[in-house]
């Protein structure tokens, strides 16, 4: 189904407030588009400014694309605690562990 020209839209809801307005996000991460979902009873196709700009976080250079590992979290906390300046890009890439986590 297309929604006003979007051919590969993902139907979801707005992440910003308790209303959870229906929306459809299409395009690519670098050029994402958003439209309000007319079928959604809360917003009936309308979106506020936060909803209309919600796709801007998809292409932000500092957006996390994978969960942080415990070691990386500890490094970030240590850096913040001691006042070191750091960049997310300077951290090593995170790879999934072959062994399950234990408590």
Protein backbone atom coordinates (compact mmCIF):
# COMPACT_ATOMS: atom_id res chain seq x y z
CA UNK A 1 0.00 0.00 0.00
CA UNK A 2 1.27 3.46 -0.80
CA UNK A 3 0.69 6.54 1.27
CA UNK A 4 0.84 9.70 -0.85
CA UNK A 5 3.72 8.51 -3.01
CA UNK A 6 5.62 6.45 -0.44
CA UNK A 7 6.13 3.01 -1.90
CA UNK A 8 7.97 1.34 0.96
CA UNK A 9 6.52 3.03 4.04
CA UNK A 10 6.82 1.56 7.51
CA UNK A 11 3.78 2.22 9.64
CA UNK A 12 4.66 3.19 13.19
CA UNK A 13 3.76 5.76 15.84
CA UNK A 14 5.40 9.00 16.88
CA UNK A 15 7.93 8.50 19.71
CA UNK A 16 7.65 11.91 21.32
CA UNK A 17 4.51 12.23 23.44
CA UNK A 18 1.74 10.21 25.08
CA UNK A 19 -0.66 10.61 22.13
CA UNK A 20 1.39 8.17 20.01
CA UNK A 21 0.11 9.57 16.71
CA UNK A 22 0.16 7.18 13.76
CA UNK A 23 2.71 7.84 11.04
CA UNK A 24 4.36 6.24 8.05
CA UNK A 25 8.11 6.55 7.49
CA UNK A 26 9.58 5.89 4.06
CA UNK A 27 12.69 6.48 2.02
CA UNK A 28 16.23 5.84 3.22
CA UNK A 29 17.95 6.70 6.48
CA UNK A 30 19.69 9.64 4.78
CA UNK A 31 16.53 10.91 3.07
CA UNK A 32 13.65 9.68 5.22
CA UNK A 33 10.12 10.99 4.74
CA UNK A 34 7.25 11.02 7.21
CA UNK A 35 3.50 11.38 6.86
CA UNK A 36 0.66 11.24 9.33
CA UNK A 37 -1.57 8.18 9.10
CA UNK A 38 -5.12 9.15 8.17
CA UNK A 39 -6.45 5.83 9.48
CA UNK A 40 -5.12 6.46 12.99
CA UNK A 41 -7.97 7.59 15.29
CA UNK A 42 -5.83 9.89 17.44
CA UNK A 43 -4.31 12.18 14.82
CA UNK A 44 -6.32 11.36 11.66
CA UNK A 45 -3.35 12.18 9.41
CA UNK A 46 -2.11 15.27 11.24
CA UNK A 47 1.27 15.57 13.00
CA UNK A 48 2.77 18.24 15.22
CA UNK A 49 6.19 19.78 14.52
CA UNK A 50 7.92 17.10 16.61
CA UNK A 51 6.26 14.37 14.55
CA UNK A 52 7.11 16.03 11.24
CA UNK A 53 10.79 16.34 12.22
CA UNK A 54 11.09 12.93 13.92
CA UNK A 55 13.01 11.42 11.00
CA UNK A 56 15.88 13.90 11.45
CA UNK A 57 17.39 11.65 14.15
CA UNK A 58 17.75 8.77 11.68
CA UNK A 59 20.72 10.33 9.91
CA UNK A 60 22.37 12.07 12.89
CA UNK A 61 26.11 11.24 12.86
CA UNK A 62 26.15 10.37 16.59
CA UNK A 63 23.13 8.05 16.46
CA UNK A 64 23.78 4.66 18.03
CA UNK A 65 23.04 1.86 15.58
CA UNK A 66 23.81 -1.04 17.94
CA UNK A 67 23.48 -1.64 21.69
CA UNK A 68 26.41 -0.54 23.78
CA UNK A 69 28.44 -3.29 25.41
CA UNK A 70 29.19 -3.13 29.12
CA UNK A 71 32.87 -2.36 28.48
CA UNK A 72 32.03 0.63 26.30
CA UNK A 73 29.54 1.91 28.90
CA UNK A 74 32.23 1.70 31.58
CA UNK A 75 34.69 3.58 29.35
CA UNK A 76 32.17 6.35 28.70
CA UNK A 77 31.30 6.65 32.41
CA UNK A 78 35.00 6.81 33.30
CA UNK A 79 35.57 9.49 30.67
CA UNK A 80 32.64 11.56 31.93
CA UNK A 81 33.68 11.14 35.56
CA UNK A 82 37.26 12.24 34.96
CA UNK A 83 36.36 15.04 32.56
CA UNK A 84 37.97 13.49 29.49
CA UNK A 85 36.69 14.64 26.16
CA UNK A 86 35.74 11.77 23.91
CA UNK A 87 33.94 11.05 20.68
CA UNK A 88 31.59 8.18 19.92
CA UNK A 89 33.51 7.74 16.68
CA UNK A 90 36.75 7.15 18.62
CA UNK A 91 35.34 4.11 20.41
CA UNK A 92 36.08 0.68 18.92
CA UNK A 93 33.34 -1.00 16.90
CA UNK A 94 31.01 -3.19 18.90
CA UNK A 95 30.58 -6.78 17.79
CA UNK A 96 28.04 -9.27 19.06
CA UNK A 97 29.44 -11.75 21.55
CA UNK A 98 29.34 -15.42 20.63
CA UNK A 99 28.61 -16.30 24.27
CA UNK A 100 25.33 -15.40 25.98
CA UNK A 101 25.44 -12.88 28.80
CA UNK A 102 25.15 -14.25 32.33
CA UNK A 103 24.07 -12.58 35.53
